Amino acid sequence: MWALIEPLLPPWPERSPGPKPVADRLCLEGILYVLHQDVAWQLLPLELRFGSGQTCWRRLDHWQQAGVFDRLHRILLAELNAAGELGWTRACVDGSHVRAKEGETRPVHRGSTGGRLAAITI
């Protein structure tokens, strides 16, 4: 997986102020540790040498803003599709990740207080 992720990561400036940054791979391992173990960022154990929770969180934020995970998602989907491992007969959309545009007609839940809702029909 690292071979797919590493080329997507933005480069660090050669002369950045402060101490040498924690290696990207170690930060990724720290991020995955926090997500897998479901611990707070500040509870990431320093003895694991992933860097501090704050360092890992900042790197995650930096990568997210750089579009790393969107590009990785597209690459993984393309590889799975090429291997015939994706079934495209069904789709599911999480409305919390689909922007509802102002003024469009949309389905509304009967008990709704008027919150935004986006839907897709296949």
N, C-alpha and C. Protein backbone atom coordinates (compact mmCIF):
# COMPACT_ATOMS: atom_id res chain seq x y z
N MET A 1 0.83 -1.18 0.00
CA MET A 1 0.00 0.00 0.00
C MET A 1 0.88 1.26 0.00
N TRP A 2 2.00 1.19 0.71
CA TRP A 2 2.89 2.36 0.78
C TRP A 2 3.37 2.76 -0.61
N ALA A 3 3.59 1.78 -1.49
CA ALA A 3 4.05 2.08 -2.85
C ALA A 3 3.02 2.90 -3.62
N LEU A 4 1.75 2.75 -3.30
CA LEU A 4 0.70 3.56 -3.93
C LEU A 4 0.60 4.95 -3.31
N ILE A 5 0.79 5.02 -2.00
CA ILE A 5 0.59 6.26 -1.26
C ILE A 5 1.77 7.23 -1.41
N GLU A 6 2.98 6.71 -1.31
CA GLU A 6 4.17 7.58 -1.27
C GLU A 6 4.25 8.56 -2.44
N PRO A 7 4.01 8.14 -3.70
CA PRO A 7 4.11 9.11 -4.80
C PRO A 7 3.05 10.22 -4.76
N LEU A 8 1.98 10.00 -4.00
CA LEU A 8 0.90 10.98 -3.93
C LEU A 8 1.16 12.08 -2.90
N LEU A 9 2.10 11.84 -1.99
CA LEU A 9 2.35 12.78 -0.90
C LEU A 9 3.09 14.02 -1.39
N PRO A 10 2.66 15.19 -0.94
CA PRO A 10 3.37 16.41 -1.33
C PRO A 10 4.76 16.43 -0.73
N PRO A 11 5.76 16.94 -1.48
CA PRO A 11 7.12 16.97 -0.95
C PRO A 11 7.27 18.02 0.15
N TRP A 12 8.21 17.77 1.04
CA TRP A 12 8.54 18.73 2.08
C TRP A 12 9.55 19.72 1.53
N PRO A 13 9.47 20.98 1.93
CA PRO A 13 10.49 21.93 1.50
C PRO A 13 11.86 21.46 1.99
N GLU A 14 12.87 21.64 1.15
CA GLU A 14 14.20 21.17 1.52
C GLU A 14 14.74 21.90 2.75
N ARG A 15 14.43 23.17 2.85
CA ARG A 15 14.92 23.95 3.99
C ARG A 15 13.75 24.47 4.80
N SER A 16 13.14 23.58 5.57
CA SER A 16 12.05 24.03 6.42
C SER A 16 12.61 24.32 7.81
N PRO A 17 12.05 25.34 8.49
CA PRO A 17 12.56 25.69 9.82
C PRO A 17 12.21 24.61 10.84
N GLY A 18 12.94 24.58 11.90
CA GLY A 18 12.65 23.65 12.99
C GLY A 18 13.36 22.32 12.80
N PRO A 19 13.04 21.39 13.69
CA PRO A 19 13.69 20.08 13.62
C PRO A 19 13.24 19.30 12.37
N LYS A 20 14.01 18.29 12.02
CA LYS A 20 13.69 17.46 10.87
C LYS A 20 12.32 16.81 11.11
N PRO A 21 11.42 16.88 10.11
CA PRO A 21 10.08 16.33 10.32
C PRO A 21 10.11 14.80 10.43
N VAL A 22 9.11 14.27 11.12
CA VAL A 22 8.95 12.82 11.23
C VAL A 22 8.69 12.29 9.82
N ALA A 23 9.25 11.14 9.51
CA ALA A 23 9.09 10.54 8.18
C ALA A 23 7.61 10.33 7.87
N ASP A 24 7.23 10.55 6.61
CA ASP A 24 5.84 10.41 6.19
C ASP A 24 5.28 9.03 6.52
N ARG A 25 6.07 7.99 6.28
CA ARG A 25 5.58 6.64 6.52
C ARG A 25 5.27 6.43 8.00
N LEU A 26 6.12 6.96 8.89
CA LEU A 26 5.86 6.83 10.33
C LEU A 26 4.59 7.60 10.71
N CYS A 27 4.41 8.79 10.12
CA CYS A 27 3.18 9.54 10.41
C CYS A 27 1.95 8.78 9.93
N LEU A 28 2.03 8.18 8.75
CA LEU A 28 0.91 7.38 8.25
C LEU A 28 0.61 6.23 9.21
N GLU A 29 1.65 5.57 9.69
CA GLU A 29 1.44 4.48 10.65
C GLU A 29 0.79 5.00 11.93
N GLY A 30 1.19 6.19 12.37
CA GLY A 30 0.58 6.80 13.56
C GLY A 30 -0.88 7.13 13.32
N ILE A 31 -1.19 7.66 12.14
CA ILE A 31 -2.58 7.98 11.79
C ILE A 31 -3.42 6.71 11.80
N LEU A 32 -2.90 5.66 11.16
CA LEU A 32 -3.63 4.39 11.11
C LEU A 32 -3.79 3.78 12.51
N TYR A 33 -2.77 3.95 13.34
CA TYR A 33 -2.85 3.45 14.72
C TYR A 33 -4.00 4.15 15.47
N VAL A 34 -4.04 5.47 15.39
CA VAL A 34 -5.09 6.23 16.08
C VAL A 34 -6.48 5.81 15.58
N LEU A 35 -6.62 5.69 14.26
CA LEU A 35 -7.92 5.32 13.71
C LEU A 35 -8.31 3.89 14.06
N HIS A 36 -7.34 2.99 14.00
CA HIS A 36 -7.64 1.57 14.28
C HIS A 36 -7.90 1.33 15.76
N GLN A 37 -7.11 1.95 16.61
CA GLN A 37 -7.25 1.76 18.06
C GLN A 37 -8.34 2.63 18.67
N ASP A 38 -8.86 3.59 17.87
CA ASP A 38 -9.91 4.50 18.32
C ASP A 38 -9.49 5.24 19.59
N VAL A 39 -8.28 5.81 19.55
CA VAL A 39 -7.79 6.60 20.67
C VAL A 39 -7.72 8.06 20.25
N ALA A 40 -7.70 8.94 21.22
CA ALA A 40 -7.57 10.37 20.94
C ALA A 40 -6.16 10.65 20.44
N TRP A 41 -6.04 11.66 19.60
CA TRP A 41 -4.72 12.01 19.04
C TRP A 41 -3.68 12.24 20.13
N GLN A 42 -4.07 12.92 21.21
CA GLN A 42 -3.10 13.23 22.26
C GLN A 42 -2.67 11.99 23.04
N LEU A 43 -3.36 10.85 22.84
CA LEU A 43 -2.99 9.62 23.54
C LEU A 43 -2.13 8.69 22.68
N LEU A 44 -1.70 9.15 21.52
CA LEU A 44 -0.81 8.35 20.69
C LEU A 44 0.51 8.17 21.44
N PRO A 45 0.87 6.92 21.75
CA PRO A 45 2.08 6.69 22.56
C PRO A 45 3.36 7.13 21.83
N LEU A 46 4.14 7.99 22.45
CA LEU A 46 5.39 8.48 21.86
C LEU A 46 6.41 7.36 21.70
N GLU A 47 6.34 6.34 22.57
CA GLU A 47 7.31 5.25 22.49
C GLU A 47 7.17 4.42 21.21
N LEU A 48 6.07 4.58 20.48
CA LEU A 48 5.91 3.88 19.21
C LEU A 48 6.67 4.59 18.08
N ARG A 49 7.16 5.80 18.34
CA ARG A 49 7.99 6.59 17.43
C ARG A 49 7.28 7.01 16.13
N PHE A 50 5.97 7.20 16.22
CA PHE A 50 5.20 7.72 15.08
C PHE A 50 5.22 9.24 15.06
N GLY A 51 5.77 9.85 16.08
CA GLY A 51 5.65 11.29 16.27
C GLY A 51 4.50 11.52 17.24
N SER A 52 4.29 12.76 17.60
CA SER A 52 3.20 13.06 18.53
C SER A 52 1.86 12.96 17.81
N GLY A 53 0.80 12.88 18.57
CA GLY A 53 -0.53 12.87 17.99
C GLY A 53 -0.79 14.14 17.21
N GLN A 54 -0.29 15.27 17.72
CA GLN A 54 -0.48 16.54 17.03
C GLN A 54 0.26 16.54 15.69
N THR A 55 1.46 15.98 15.66
CA THR A 55 2.22 15.88 14.41
C THR A 55 1.46 15.04 13.39
N CYS A 56 0.98 13.88 13.83
CA CYS A 56 0.24 12.99 12.92
C CYS A 56 -1.05 13.65 12.44
N TRP A 57 -1.75 14.34 13.35
CA TRP A 57 -2.99 15.01 12.94
C TRP A 57 -2.71 16.11 11.92
N ARG A 58 -1.67 16.89 12.16
CA ARG A 58 -1.32 17.95 11.21
C ARG A 58 -0.96 17.38 9.84
N ARG A 59 -0.22 16.28 9.82
CA ARG A 59 0.15 15.65 8.56
C ARG A 59 -1.10 15.12 7.86
N LEU A 60 -2.02 14.51 8.60
CA LEU A 60 -3.27 14.04 8.02
C LEU A 60 -4.04 15.21 7.40
N ASP A 61 -4.12 16.32 8.12
CA ASP A 61 -4.81 17.50 7.62
C ASP A 61 -4.13 18.05 6.36
N HIS A 62 -2.81 18.10 6.38
CA HIS A 62 -2.04 18.59 5.23
C HIS A 62 -2.30 17.70 4.00
N TRP A 63 -2.26 16.40 4.20
CA TRP A 63 -2.50 15.46 3.09
C TRP A 63 -3.93 15.54 2.59
N GLN A 64 -4.87 15.70 3.51
CA GLN A 64 -6.27 15.81 3.11
C GLN A 64 -6.47 17.05 2.25
N GLN A 65 -5.91 18.18 2.68
CA GLN A 65 -6.04 19.42 1.91
C GLN A 65 -5.34 19.33 0.55
N ALA A 66 -4.30 18.51 0.47
CA ALA A 66 -3.57 18.33 -0.79
C ALA A 66 -4.26 17.34 -1.73
N GLY A 67 -5.35 16.72 -1.26
CA GLY A 67 -6.10 15.79 -2.11
C GLY A 67 -5.51 14.39 -2.21
N VAL A 68 -4.61 14.05 -1.29
CA VAL A 68 -3.95 12.74 -1.34
C VAL A 68 -4.96 11.60 -1.27
N PHE A 69 -5.91 11.68 -0.36
CA PHE A 69 -6.81 10.56 -0.15
C PHE A 69 -7.85 10.45 -1.26
N ASP A 70 -8.24 11.56 -1.85
CA ASP A 70 -9.14 11.50 -3.01
C ASP A 70 -8.46 10.79 -4.17
N ARG A 71 -7.19 11.14 -4.41
CA ARG A 71 -6.45 10.49 -5.51
C ARG A 71 -6.21 9.02 -5.22
N LEU A 72 -5.88 8.69 -3.97
CA LEU A 72 -5.68 7.29 -3.59
C LEU A 72 -6.97 6.49 -3.78
N HIS A 73 -8.09 7.08 -3.41
CA HIS A 73 -9.38 6.41 -3.56
C HIS A 73 -9.64 6.10 -5.03
N ARG A 74 -9.38 7.06 -5.92
CA ARG A 74 -9.58 6.84 -7.36
C ARG A 74 -8.65 5.74 -7.89
N ILE A 75 -7.41 5.74 -7.44
CA ILE A 75 -6.45 4.73 -7.88
C ILE A 75 -6.90 3.34 -7.44
N LEU A 76 -7.30 3.22 -6.19
CA LEU A 76 -7.74 1.92 -5.68
C LEU A 76 -9.00 1.43 -6.40
N LEU A 77 -9.94 2.34 -6.66
CA LEU A 77 -11.13 1.94 -7.41
C LEU A 77 -10.78 1.47 -8.81
N ALA A 78 -9.87 2.17 -9.47
CA ALA A 78 -9.46 1.78 -10.82
C ALA A 78 -8.79 0.41 -10.81
N GLU A 79 -7.92 0.16 -9.83
CA GLU A 79 -7.25 -1.13 -9.75
C GLU A 79 -8.25 -2.26 -9.45
N LEU A 80 -9.16 -2.03 -8.53
CA LEU A 80 -10.16 -3.05 -8.22
C LEU A 80 -11.08 -3.30 -9.42
N ASN A 81 -11.44 -2.23 -10.11
CA ASN A 81 -12.30 -2.38 -11.29
C ASN A 81 -11.57 -3.17 -12.38
N ALA A 82 -10.29 -2.87 -12.61
CA ALA A 82 -9.51 -3.57 -13.63
C ALA A 82 -9.37 -5.05 -13.29
N ALA A 83 -9.34 -5.37 -12.00
CA ALA A 83 -9.23 -6.77 -11.57
C ALA A 83 -10.58 -7.46 -11.51
N GLY A 84 -11.66 -6.73 -11.86
CA GLY A 84 -12.99 -7.32 -11.81
C GLY A 84 -13.53 -7.55 -10.41
N GLU A 85 -13.01 -6.80 -9.45
CA GLU A 85 -13.40 -6.97 -8.05
C GLU A 85 -14.49 -6.02 -7.58
N LEU A 86 -14.97 -5.14 -8.48
CA LEU A 86 -16.04 -4.21 -8.10
C LEU A 86 -17.32 -4.59 -8.81
N GLY A 87 -18.41 -4.57 -8.07
CA GLY A 87 -19.72 -4.77 -8.67
C GLY A 87 -20.40 -3.43 -8.79
N TRP A 88 -20.74 -3.02 -10.00
CA TRP A 88 -21.32 -1.70 -10.22
C TRP A 88 -22.84 -1.75 -10.34
N THR A 89 -23.46 -2.85 -9.93
CA THR A 89 -24.91 -2.96 -10.05
C THR A 89 -25.64 -2.24 -8.94
N ARG A 90 -24.96 -1.93 -7.87
CA ARG A 90 -25.57 -1.20 -6.75
C ARG A 90 -24.68 -0.04 -6.36
N ALA A 91 -25.28 1.00 -5.84
CA ALA A 91 -24.51 2.14 -5.34
C ALA A 91 -25.19 2.66 -4.09
N CYS A 92 -24.40 3.21 -3.21
CA CYS A 92 -24.91 3.80 -1.98
C CYS A 92 -24.25 5.16 -1.82
N VAL A 93 -25.04 6.15 -1.51
CA VAL A 93 -24.50 7.50 -1.32
C VAL A 93 -24.81 7.93 0.09
N ASP A 94 -23.81 8.40 0.77
CA ASP A 94 -23.98 8.93 2.11
C ASP A 94 -24.27 10.42 1.96
N GLY A 95 -25.45 10.84 2.31
CA GLY A 95 -25.86 12.23 2.13
C GLY A 95 -25.00 13.22 2.87
N SER A 96 -24.28 12.80 3.90
CA SER A 96 -23.43 13.74 4.62
C SER A 96 -22.21 14.12 3.81
N HIS A 97 -21.94 13.41 2.70
CA HIS A 97 -20.78 13.71 1.87
C HIS A 97 -21.16 14.22 0.50
N VAL A 98 -22.46 14.40 0.25
CA VAL A 98 -22.92 14.90 -1.04
C VAL A 98 -23.56 16.25 -0.80
N ARG A 99 -23.05 17.26 -1.44
CA ARG A 99 -23.54 18.61 -1.22
C ARG A 99 -24.90 18.79 -1.89
N ALA A 100 -25.86 19.27 -1.15
CA ALA A 100 -27.17 19.60 -1.69
C ALA A 100 -27.12 21.03 -2.18
N LYS A 101 -27.50 21.26 -3.43
CA LYS A 101 -27.45 22.60 -3.99
C LYS A 101 -28.71 23.38 -3.64
N GLU A 102 -28.53 24.64 -3.37
CA GLU A 102 -29.64 25.52 -3.01
C GLU A 102 -30.67 25.58 -4.13
N GLY A 103 -31.94 25.54 -3.78
CA GLY A 103 -33.00 25.74 -4.76
C GLY A 103 -33.41 24.50 -5.53
N GLU A 104 -32.71 23.37 -5.36
CA GLU A 104 -33.09 22.16 -6.06
C GLU A 104 -34.20 21.46 -5.31
N THR A 105 -35.07 20.79 -6.05
CA THR A 105 -36.09 19.99 -5.37
C THR A 105 -35.39 18.77 -4.80
N ARG A 106 -35.84 18.36 -3.65
CA ARG A 106 -35.19 17.24 -2.99
C ARG A 106 -36.19 16.53 -2.09
N PRO A 107 -35.98 15.23 -1.87
CA PRO A 107 -36.86 14.53 -0.94
C PRO A 107 -36.58 15.00 0.48
N VAL A 108 -37.61 15.10 1.28
CA VAL A 108 -37.46 15.53 2.67
C VAL A 108 -38.13 14.50 3.55
N HIS A 109 -37.46 14.10 4.62
CA HIS A 109 -38.02 13.15 5.58
C HIS A 109 -39.22 13.80 6.26
N ARG A 110 -40.29 13.05 6.47
CA ARG A 110 -41.53 13.61 7.02
C ARG A 110 -41.32 14.30 8.37
N GLY A 111 -40.43 13.80 9.18
CA GLY A 111 -40.20 14.41 10.49
C GLY A 111 -39.10 15.46 10.47
N SER A 112 -38.67 15.84 9.28
CA SER A 112 -37.55 16.75 9.14
C SER A 112 -37.89 18.16 9.60
N THR A 113 -36.88 18.83 10.09
CA THR A 113 -37.05 20.24 10.49
C THR A 113 -36.55 21.15 9.38
N GLY A 114 -36.40 20.60 8.19
CA GLY A 114 -35.98 21.44 7.05
C GLY A 114 -34.51 21.37 6.74
N GLY A 115 -33.79 20.41 7.33
CA GLY A 115 -32.37 20.26 7.04
C GLY A 115 -32.14 19.84 5.60
N ARG A 116 -30.93 20.05 5.12
CA ARG A 116 -30.59 19.70 3.75
C ARG A 116 -30.53 18.17 3.61
N LEU A 117 -30.92 17.71 2.43
CA LEU A 117 -30.87 16.29 2.14
C LEU A 117 -30.55 16.13 0.67
N ALA A 118 -29.62 15.28 0.35
CA ALA A 118 -29.30 15.00 -1.05
C ALA A 118 -29.61 13.55 -1.32
N ALA A 119 -30.07 13.26 -2.52
CA ALA A 119 -30.40 11.88 -2.89
C ALA A 119 -29.93 11.61 -4.29
N ILE A 120 -29.69 10.36 -4.58
CA ILE A 120 -29.31 9.95 -5.92
C ILE A 120 -30.20 8.78 -6.33
N THR A 121 -30.61 8.75 -7.57
CA THR A 121 -31.44 7.65 -8.06
C THR A 121 -30.66 6.90 -9.12
N ILE A 122 -30.65 5.60 -9.00
CA ILE A 122 -29.93 4.78 -9.98
C ILE A 122 -30.92 3.87 -10.67
